[in-house]
Amino acid sequence: MSVPEPSIDESRPSYLTRWQRITYLKQQFWELWRRDYLHTLQARFKWLKPNANIKIGKMVIIHEDNKPPQECILGRITNTLVGADEQVIVADIKVKNGTIRRPICKIAPLPDA
């Protein structure tokens, strides 16, 4: 329960202390991870080929807009709701504090190990 670290602008890198440089690198890593890798997990190619629906029991990362990047919410799908086209549109996800319901565009399934 610590206070979030302020965003560091590296406009003058020679004036940053070691702690500020480490903090800046950490922020850059998480921003790149969220922007580049997390979006590859959410790739949905509409109408080009049929996609497999998300299965019950699949581990997912829940995308929350108001959370810092280091606080990813992990969960397991417990129930799904399908639309008229038999594609999953909403999923119930079991997280550590209970169960939440999210649309399929706000979750990213983790690759199987």
C-alpha atoms as a PDB file:
ATOM      1  CA  MET A   1       0.000   0.000   0.000  1.00  0.00           C
ATOM      2  CA  SER A   2       2.613   2.517  -1.059  1.00  0.00           C
ATOM      3  CA  VAL A   3       2.155   5.794  -2.838  1.00  0.00           C
ATOM      4  CA  PRO A   4       2.592   5.486  -6.623  1.00  0.00           C
ATOM      5  CA  GLU A   5       5.885   6.762  -7.920  1.00  0.00           C
ATOM      6  CA  PRO A   6       5.658   9.962  -9.957  1.00  0.00           C
ATOM      7  CA  SER A   7       6.166   9.795 -13.688  1.00  0.00           C
ATOM      8  CA  ILE A   8       9.707  10.808 -14.594  1.00  0.00           C
ATOM      9  CA  ASP A   9      10.473  12.909 -17.647  1.00  0.00           C
ATOM     10  CA  GLU A  10      13.875  12.136 -19.079  1.00  0.00           C
ATOM     11  CA  SER A  11      14.283  15.446 -20.872  1.00  0.00           C
ATOM     12  CA  ARG A  12      17.559  16.034 -19.001  1.00  0.00           C
ATOM     13  CA  PRO A  13      19.012  12.586 -18.217  1.00  0.00           C
ATOM     14  CA  SER A  14      22.265  13.896 -16.783  1.00  0.00           C
ATOM     15  CA  TYR A  15      20.362  15.379 -13.838  1.00  0.00           C
ATOM     16  CA  LEU A  16      18.574  12.190 -12.826  1.00  0.00           C
ATOM     17  CA  THR A  17      19.718  10.355  -9.743  1.00  0.00           C
ATOM     18  CA  ARG A  18      20.317   6.610  -9.866  1.00  0.00           C
ATOM     19  CA  TRP A  19      16.935   5.954  -8.235  1.00  0.00           C
ATOM     20  CA  GLN A  20      15.161   8.152 -10.787  1.00  0.00           C
ATOM     21  CA  ARG A  21      16.906   6.364 -13.665  1.00  0.00           C
ATOM     22  CA  ILE A  22      15.890   2.949 -12.330  1.00  0.00           C
ATOM     23  CA  THR A  23      12.330   4.181 -11.820  1.00  0.00           C
ATOM     24  CA  TYR A  24      12.261   5.611 -15.332  1.00  0.00           C
ATOM     25  CA  LEU A  25      13.515   2.331 -16.845  1.00  0.00           C
ATOM     26  CA  LYS A  26      10.942   0.360 -14.873  1.00  0.00           C
ATOM     27  CA  GLN A  27       8.150   2.635 -16.085  1.00  0.00           C
ATOM     28  CA  GLN A  28       9.373   2.331 -19.676  1.00  0.00           C
ATOM     29  CA  PHE A  29       9.508  -1.479 -19.414  1.00  0.00           C
ATOM     30  CA  TRP A  30       5.946  -1.747 -18.131  1.00  0.00           C
ATOM     31  CA  GLU A  31       4.661   0.704 -20.738  1.00  0.00           C
ATOM     32  CA  LEU A  32       6.308  -1.279 -23.551  1.00  0.00           C
ATOM     33  CA  TRP A  33       5.084  -4.577 -22.093  1.00  0.00           C
ATOM     34  CA  ARG A  34       1.516  -3.283 -21.884  1.00  0.00           C
ATOM     35  CA  ARG A  35       1.589  -1.665 -25.319  1.00  0.00           C
ATOM     36  CA  ASP A  36       3.411  -4.381 -27.276  1.00  0.00           C
ATOM     37  CA  TYR A  37       3.000  -7.785 -25.594  1.00  0.00           C
ATOM     38  CA  LEU A  38      -0.362  -7.498 -23.853  1.00  0.00           C
ATOM     39  CA  HIS A  39      -2.092  -6.404 -27.045  1.00  0.00           C
ATOM     40  CA  THR A  40      -0.770  -9.443 -28.909  1.00  0.00           C
ATOM     41  CA  LEU A  41      -2.657 -11.611 -26.422  1.00  0.00           C
ATOM     42  CA  GLN A  42      -5.878  -9.729 -27.219  1.00  0.00           C
ATOM     43  CA  ALA A  43      -5.592  -9.982 -31.010  1.00  0.00           C
ATOM     44  CA  ARG A  44      -8.948 -10.745 -32.567  1.00  0.00           C
ATOM     45  CA  PHE A  45      -9.164 -11.024 -36.319  1.00  0.00           C
ATOM     46  CA  LYS A  46     -12.770 -10.370 -37.169  1.00  0.00           C
ATOM     47  CA  TRP A  47     -14.339 -12.227 -40.093  1.00  0.00           C
ATOM     48  CA  LEU A  48     -11.056 -13.409 -41.595  1.00  0.00           C
ATOM     49  CA  LYS A  49     -11.224 -16.877 -40.086  1.00  0.00           C
ATOM     50  CA  PRO A  50     -13.245 -18.434 -37.291  1.00  0.00           C
ATOM     51  CA  ASN A  51     -11.686 -17.918 -33.854  1.00  0.00           C
ATOM     52  CA  ALA A  52     -11.922 -20.436 -31.055  1.00  0.00           C
ATOM     53  CA  ASN A  53     -14.025 -19.281 -28.126  1.00  0.00           C
ATOM     54  CA  ILE A  54     -12.448 -18.778 -24.720  1.00  0.00           C
ATOM     55  CA  LYS A  55     -12.935 -21.911 -22.658  1.00  0.00           C
ATOM     56  CA  ILE A  56     -13.979 -22.161 -19.042  1.00  0.00           C
ATOM     57  CA  GLY A  57     -10.933 -22.652 -16.816  1.00  0.00           C
ATOM     58  CA  LYS A  58      -8.591 -20.494 -18.944  1.00  0.00           C
ATOM     59  CA  MET A  59      -6.239 -18.103 -17.101  1.00  0.00           C
ATOM     60  CA  VAL A  60      -6.564 -14.481 -18.236  1.00  0.00           C
ATOM     61  CA  ILE A  61      -5.174 -11.020 -17.568  1.00  0.00           C
ATOM     62  CA  ILE A  62      -7.900  -8.445 -16.985  1.00  0.00           C
ATOM     63  CA  HIS A  63      -7.280  -5.082 -18.632  1.00  0.00           C
ATOM     64  CA  GLU A  64      -8.271  -2.211 -16.333  1.00  0.00           C
ATOM     65  CA  ASP A  65      -7.809   1.352 -17.565  1.00  0.00           C
ATOM     66  CA  ASN A  66      -7.482   2.885 -14.117  1.00  0.00           C
ATOM     67  CA  LYS A  67      -4.847   0.485 -12.737  1.00  0.00           C
ATOM     68  CA  PRO A  68      -1.082   1.034 -12.868  1.00  0.00           C
ATOM     69  CA  PRO A  69       0.707  -1.326 -15.261  1.00  0.00           C
ATOM     70  CA  GLN A  70       2.435  -3.306 -12.511  1.00  0.00           C
ATOM     71  CA  GLU A  71      -0.893  -4.278 -10.961  1.00  0.00           C
ATOM     72  CA  CYS A  72      -2.231  -6.783 -13.463  1.00  0.00           C
ATOM     73  CA  ILE A  73      -5.313  -8.649 -12.333  1.00  0.00           C
ATOM     74  CA  LEU A  74      -5.100 -12.378 -12.986  1.00  0.00           C
ATOM     75  CA  GLY A  75      -8.162 -14.564 -13.009  1.00  0.00           C
ATOM     76  CA  ARG A  76      -9.698 -17.805 -14.213  1.00  0.00           C
ATOM     77  CA  ILE A  77     -12.812 -17.962 -16.400  1.00  0.00           C
ATOM     78  CA  THR A  78     -15.714 -19.589 -14.563  1.00  0.00           C
ATOM     79  CA  ASN A  79     -18.626 -18.898 -16.917  1.00  0.00           C
ATOM     80  CA  THR A  80     -19.183 -17.454 -20.393  1.00  0.00           C
ATOM     81  CA  LEU A  81     -22.106 -15.805 -22.136  1.00  0.00           C
ATOM     82  CA  VAL A  82     -22.481 -16.226 -25.884  1.00  0.00           C
ATOM     83  CA  GLY A  83     -24.136 -13.953 -28.422  1.00  0.00           C
ATOM     84  CA  ALA A  84     -26.469 -14.797 -31.284  1.00  0.00           C
ATOM     85  CA  ASP A  85     -23.501 -15.853 -33.442  1.00  0.00           C
ATOM     86  CA  GLU A  86     -22.365 -18.415 -30.816  1.00  0.00           C
ATOM     87  CA  GLN A  87     -19.258 -16.358 -29.999  1.00  0.00           C
ATOM     88  CA  VAL A  88     -18.367 -15.567 -26.381  1.00  0.00           C
ATOM     89  CA  ILE A  89     -19.062 -11.902 -25.623  1.00  0.00           C
ATOM     90  CA  VAL A  90     -18.885 -11.760 -21.798  1.00  0.00           C
ATOM     91  CA  ALA A  91     -17.037 -13.853 -19.227  1.00  0.00           C
ATOM     92  CA  ASP A  92     -17.314 -14.293 -15.478  1.00  0.00           C
ATOM     93  CA  ILE A  93     -13.819 -14.351 -14.001  1.00  0.00           C
ATOM     94  CA  LYS A  94     -12.806 -15.628 -10.578  1.00  0.00           C
ATOM     95  CA  VAL A  95     -10.203 -13.308  -9.029  1.00  0.00           C
ATOM     96  CA  LYS A  96      -8.705 -13.307  -5.550  1.00  0.00           C
ATOM     97  CA  ASN A  97     -11.462 -11.046  -4.154  1.00  0.00           C
ATOM     98  CA  GLY A  98     -14.465 -12.765  -5.736  1.00  0.00           C
ATOM     99  CA  THR A  99     -15.981 -12.995  -9.184  1.00  0.00           C
ATOM    100  CA  ILE A 100     -16.231 -10.197 -11.745  1.00  0.00           C
ATOM    101  CA  ARG A 101     -17.892  -9.956 -15.148  1.00  0.00           C
ATOM    102  CA  ARG A 102     -15.982  -8.420 -18.062  1.00  0.00           C
ATOM    103  CA  PRO A 103     -16.506  -8.177 -21.822  1.00  0.00           C
ATOM    104  CA  ILE A 104     -14.213 -10.291 -23.937  1.00  0.00           C
ATOM    105  CA  CYS A 105     -12.410  -7.189 -25.276  1.00  0.00           C
ATOM    106  CA  LYS A 106     -11.170  -6.359 -21.751  1.00  0.00           C
ATOM    107  CA  ILE A 107      -9.471  -9.696 -21.084  1.00  0.00           C
ATOM    108  CA  ALA A 108      -6.355 -11.294 -22.550  1.00  0.00           C
ATOM    109  CA  PRO A 109      -6.004 -15.075 -22.351  1.00  0.00           C
ATOM    110  CA  LEU A 110      -2.589 -16.276 -21.293  1.00  0.00           C
ATOM    111  CA  PRO A 111      -0.806 -18.764 -23.546  1.00  0.00           C
ATOM    112  CA  ASP A 112      -0.864 -22.386 -22.441  1.00  0.00           C
ATOM    113  CA  ALA A 113       2.293 -23.563 -20.738  1.00  0.00           C
END
